[in-house]
Protein backbone atom coordinates (compact mmCIF):
# COMPACT_ATOMS: atom_id res chain seq x y z
CA MET A 1 30.03 77.26 -62.29
CA ASN A 2 31.19 75.16 -59.38
CA ASN A 3 34.92 75.45 -58.55
CA LEU A 4 34.84 73.13 -55.55
CA THR A 5 37.02 70.04 -55.58
CA PRO A 6 34.94 66.85 -55.36
CA PHE A 7 35.11 64.85 -52.14
CA VAL A 8 37.85 62.21 -52.16
CA SER A 9 36.67 58.63 -51.63
CA HIS A 10 36.74 57.06 -48.18
CA SER A 11 39.40 54.51 -49.20
CA LEU A 12 41.87 57.31 -49.98
CA PHE A 13 41.12 58.78 -46.55
CA ASP A 14 41.94 55.38 -44.99
CA GLU A 15 45.24 55.26 -46.90
CA LEU A 16 46.27 58.71 -45.63
CA PHE A 17 45.83 57.71 -41.99
CA ARG A 18 46.83 54.05 -42.26
CA ASP A 19 50.31 54.59 -40.81
CA THR A 20 49.27 56.90 -37.96
CA ASN A 21 46.90 54.51 -36.22
CA PRO A 22 46.44 51.33 -38.25
CA SER A 23 44.30 49.49 -35.70
CA TYR A 24 41.61 52.15 -35.82
CA PHE A 25 40.91 51.58 -39.51
CA ILE A 26 41.00 47.77 -39.54
CA LYS A 27 37.69 46.37 -40.67
CA PRO A 28 36.48 42.91 -39.64
CA LEU A 29 37.51 40.20 -42.07
CA HIS A 30 37.16 36.44 -41.79
CA GLY A 31 39.53 34.30 -43.79
CA ASP A 32 41.64 35.52 -46.65
CA PRO A 33 41.56 33.41 -49.82
CA LEU A 34 44.03 30.57 -50.28
CA PRO A 35 47.15 31.29 -52.32
CA SER A 36 46.45 30.73 -56.00
CA GLN A 37 49.12 28.03 -56.22
CA LEU A 38 51.47 26.02 -54.03
CA LYS A 39 54.99 27.40 -54.11
CA ILE A 40 57.56 24.70 -54.89
CA ASP A 41 61.31 24.29 -55.38
CA VAL A 42 62.60 21.37 -57.48
CA LYS A 43 66.20 20.13 -57.53
CA GLU A 44 67.64 17.22 -59.48
CA THR A 45 70.51 14.80 -58.95
CA PRO A 46 71.40 11.86 -61.22
CA THR A 47 69.22 9.51 -59.10
CA GLU A 48 66.38 11.63 -57.70
CA PHE A 49 64.34 14.83 -57.64
CA THR A 50 63.91 16.80 -54.42
CA VAL A 51 60.73 18.86 -54.21
CA LYS A 52 59.97 21.32 -51.41
CA ALA A 53 56.42 22.69 -51.22
CA ASP A 54 55.20 25.38 -48.82
CA ILE A 55 51.96 24.22 -47.19
CA PRO A 56 51.67 26.26 -43.98
CA GLY A 57 48.78 25.49 -41.66
CA ALA A 58 48.15 21.95 -42.92
CA ASN A 59 48.27 18.77 -40.83
CA LYS A 60 50.31 16.03 -42.45
CA GLU A 61 47.24 13.77 -42.30
CA ASN A 62 45.49 16.20 -44.67
CA ILE A 63 48.21 16.17 -47.36
CA ASN A 64 48.09 13.71 -50.26
CA VAL A 65 50.81 13.10 -52.82
CA ASP A 66 49.97 11.09 -55.93
CA ILE A 67 52.53 9.95 -58.49
CA GLU A 68 51.61 8.64 -61.90
CA GLY A 69 54.60 8.08 -64.14
CA SER A 70 56.39 11.42 -64.20
CA VAL A 71 53.41 13.49 -62.99
CA VAL A 72 53.35 14.51 -59.32
CA SER A 73 50.15 15.85 -57.72
CA ILE A 74 50.06 17.45 -54.27
CA HIS A 75 46.69 18.08 -52.62
CA ALA A 76 46.14 19.55 -49.14
CA HIS A 77 43.18 20.52 -46.99
CA ILE A 78 43.86 23.40 -44.61
CA ASP A 79 41.53 24.07 -41.68
CA GLN A 80 41.28 27.33 -39.83
CA VAL A 81 40.50 26.81 -36.17
CA ASP A 82 38.58 29.69 -34.66
CA SER A 83 38.39 30.21 -30.93
CA GLU A 84 35.86 32.31 -29.12
CA CYS A 85 36.29 34.08 -25.85
CA LYS A 86 33.44 35.57 -23.92
CA ASP A 87 34.94 39.04 -23.49
CA GLU A 88 36.68 39.56 -26.82
CA LYS A 89 35.71 39.89 -30.45
CA THR A 90 37.78 39.15 -33.53
CA LEU A 91 38.71 42.30 -35.44
CA ARG A 92 40.65 40.63 -38.25
CA THR A 93 41.54 37.08 -39.20
CA GLU A 94 44.00 36.59 -42.05
CA ARG A 95 44.49 32.85 -41.79
CA TYR A 96 42.95 30.91 -44.64
CA TYR A 97 41.27 27.56 -45.00
CA GLY A 98 40.16 25.29 -47.80
CA GLU A 99 41.67 23.07 -50.49
CA ILE A 100 44.85 23.71 -52.43
CA SER A 101 46.60 21.54 -55.01
CA ARG A 102 49.25 21.52 -57.68
CA SER A 103 50.36 19.05 -60.34
CA PHE A 104 53.57 19.13 -62.35
CA GLN A 105 55.51 16.85 -64.66
CA LEU A 106 59.15 15.90 -64.17
CA ALA A 107 61.66 14.82 -66.81
CA ASN A 108 61.79 11.18 -65.65
CA GLU A 109 59.31 8.63 -64.35
CA ILE A 110 59.28 8.25 -60.57
CA ASP A 111 59.73 5.03 -58.59
CA GLU A 112 56.84 5.35 -56.12
CA GLN A 113 58.10 2.55 -53.87
CA ALA A 114 61.54 4.08 -53.33
CA SER A 115 60.33 7.69 -52.93
CA LYS A 116 59.85 9.36 -49.53
CA ALA A 117 57.94 12.32 -48.12
CA HIS A 118 58.49 14.37 -44.97
CA TYR A 119 56.44 17.29 -43.58
CA GLU A 120 57.83 19.66 -40.98
CA ASN A 121 57.23 23.34 -40.09
CA GLY A 122 54.86 23.91 -43.00
CA VAL A 123 57.23 22.51 -45.64
CA LEU A 124 56.59 19.24 -47.49
CA THR A 125 59.83 17.63 -48.73
CA LEU A 126 59.60 14.92 -51.37
CA ASN A 127 62.59 12.76 -52.28
CA LEU A 128 61.45 11.25 -55.57
CA THR A 129 63.67 8.44 -56.85
CA LYS A 130 63.99 8.19 -60.61
CA LYS A 131 62.99 4.90 -62.22
CA GLN A 132 65.90 3.07 -63.71
CA THR A 133 65.46 3.29 -67.43
CA LYS A 134 66.17 0.23 -69.44
CA THR A 135 68.66 0.83 -72.16
CA GLY A 136 67.44 0.06 -75.61
CA LYS A 137 68.64 -3.03 -77.40
CA ARG A 138 69.79 -2.80 -80.95
CA ILE A 139 68.05 -5.26 -83.21
CA GLU A 140 70.06 -6.90 -85.96
CA ILE A 141 68.46 -6.72 -89.37
CA ALA A 142 68.59 -10.00 -91.20
């Protein structure tokens, strides 16, 4: 009968020594996957919605916002720019690239003409003006 403890997997070994010398155990990696979904904050006033969406690494030319009634769609293309130097090699790259999008519905229809968008420091800010709703007219029954 064998009383020896089986060998522990290599990944557990890496975990044990991760904090002592983390750069030694880093394996080459090129491009982490995009986040599964854009992170947004939505605030409402009586006249508008303010939406802030985190889109780090995107150029504003590569961001599209579409509004159809009360549905807002944000689509962005993010490019990773790699640089090569003659005397160095990349050990790890955690920046991502690709397409990311999100659609959501608000409580009111949006006036596309009066709405504004601004992109700065990786944050897209949308000021979405609510459409003025027409009040219903009561019909007299004859």
